[in-house]
Amino acid sequence: MRKWLVVLMTAAAVGATGLLGWMYVSQDRKGPEITIDESKKGSYTEGMTAEELLDGVKATDDKDGDVSDSLTVESVYEVDDSNVVVTYVAKDASNNIAKL
């Protein structure tokens, strides 16, 4: 009787470990990819709105597809008189975040 109980408990432990391993491996842990239309790069003018800055920017995710509606402008940083760095952020349904 005890032998069967040990066998049953071992089988349950192996099954649970396999299930947890599969759940971990199948999780979405990769953020979306943000792309900017080449014609829009380098076209910043002072006072642009977030809507204008997001024109030509897209975000796609392997599992969720187009997630461009989650795009936001995180910051606009003036490096010098002629250079500005714009940081874009997007997230997918699994709350993975990507920045560009």
Protein backbone atom coordinates (compact mmCIF):
# COMPACT_ATOMS: atom_id res chain seq x y z
CA MET A 1 0.00 0.00 0.00
CA ARG A 2 2.77 2.43 0.92
CA LYS A 3 4.61 1.63 -2.29
CA TRP A 4 1.65 2.74 -4.38
CA LEU A 5 1.28 5.90 -2.36
CA VAL A 6 4.94 6.78 -2.97
CA VAL A 7 4.58 6.04 -6.69
CA LEU A 8 1.41 8.13 -6.89
CA MET A 9 2.99 11.07 -5.04
CA THR A 10 6.11 10.91 -7.26
CA ALA A 11 3.98 10.87 -10.41
CA ALA A 12 1.95 13.85 -9.15
CA ALA A 13 5.15 15.80 -8.36
CA VAL A 14 6.64 15.07 -11.80
CA GLY A 15 3.37 16.07 -13.49
CA ALA A 16 3.12 19.31 -11.51
CA THR A 17 6.74 20.18 -12.33
CA GLY A 18 6.11 19.55 -16.02
CA LEU A 19 2.96 21.69 -15.97
CA LEU A 20 4.70 24.58 -14.21
CA GLY A 21 7.63 24.34 -16.62
CA TRP A 22 5.31 24.46 -19.63
CA MET A 23 3.45 27.46 -18.18
CA TYR A 24 6.74 29.32 -17.65
CA VAL A 25 8.06 28.61 -21.14
CA SER A 26 4.79 29.59 -22.86
CA GLN A 27 4.53 33.00 -21.16
CA ASP A 28 4.86 36.14 -23.29
CA ARG A 29 7.93 37.94 -21.95
CA LYS A 30 8.93 39.87 -25.08
CA GLY A 31 7.86 43.47 -25.57
CA PRO A 32 6.51 44.93 -28.80
CA GLU A 33 8.74 46.26 -31.56
CA ILE A 34 8.52 49.99 -32.25
CA THR A 35 9.25 51.23 -35.76
CA ILE A 36 9.40 54.73 -37.21
CA ASP A 37 8.68 55.54 -40.84
CA GLU A 38 11.98 56.67 -42.42
CA SER A 39 10.32 59.78 -43.87
CA LYS A 40 9.38 60.93 -40.33
CA LYS A 41 12.86 60.58 -38.79
CA GLY A 42 14.62 63.89 -38.26
CA SER A 43 11.52 65.99 -38.81
CA TYR A 44 11.14 67.50 -35.34
CA THR A 45 10.11 71.11 -34.91
CA GLU A 46 9.79 72.84 -31.56
CA GLY A 47 6.33 72.70 -30.03
CA MET A 48 5.17 69.50 -31.77
CA THR A 49 2.27 67.77 -30.05
CA ALA A 50 2.36 64.11 -29.00
CA GLU A 51 -0.05 63.33 -31.85
CA GLU A 52 2.34 64.86 -34.37
CA LEU A 53 5.31 63.01 -32.86
CA LEU A 54 3.42 59.68 -33.06
CA ASP A 55 2.59 60.14 -36.75
CA GLY A 56 4.46 57.40 -38.64
CA VAL A 57 5.31 55.40 -35.51
CA LYS A 58 3.99 51.83 -35.14
CA ALA A 59 4.23 49.11 -32.50
CA THR A 60 3.73 45.42 -33.24
CA ASP A 61 3.89 42.39 -30.97
CA ASP A 62 4.51 38.73 -31.87
CA LYS A 63 1.42 37.56 -29.98
CA ASP A 64 -0.89 40.59 -29.95
CA GLY A 65 -0.26 42.00 -33.43
CA ASP A 66 -0.67 45.76 -33.83
CA VAL A 67 -0.44 47.51 -30.44
CA SER A 68 0.12 51.01 -31.83
CA ASP A 69 -2.79 52.30 -29.74
CA SER A 70 -0.59 51.82 -26.65
CA LEU A 71 2.18 54.09 -27.98
CA THR A 72 3.05 57.18 -25.96
CA VAL A 73 5.78 59.78 -26.05
CA GLU A 74 7.73 59.32 -22.83
CA SER A 75 10.08 62.27 -23.23
CA VAL A 76 11.47 64.87 -25.58
CA TYR A 77 15.02 65.82 -24.67
CA GLU A 78 16.95 68.60 -26.36
CA VAL A 79 20.60 67.56 -26.70
CA ASP A 80 21.77 70.80 -28.31
CA ASP A 81 20.42 73.50 -30.65
CA SER A 82 19.98 71.08 -33.57
CA ASN A 83 19.43 67.65 -31.95
CA VAL A 84 16.47 66.29 -30.02
CA VAL A 85 15.91 62.80 -28.60
CA VAL A 86 12.29 61.57 -28.55
CA THR A 87 11.58 58.45 -26.48
CA TYR A 88 8.58 56.30 -27.46
CA VAL A 89 7.00 53.63 -25.23
CA ALA A 90 4.58 50.81 -26.09
CA LYS A 91 3.17 47.84 -24.18
CA ASP A 92 1.40 44.62 -25.07
CA ALA A 93 -1.46 42.71 -23.43
CA SER A 94 1.02 40.91 -21.13
CA ASN A 95 2.28 44.31 -19.89
CA ASN A 96 5.67 43.89 -21.55
CA ILE A 97 7.11 47.33 -22.26
CA ALA A 98 9.37 48.45 -25.10
CA LYS A 99 11.14 51.78 -25.55
CA LEU A 100 12.71 53.36 -28.58
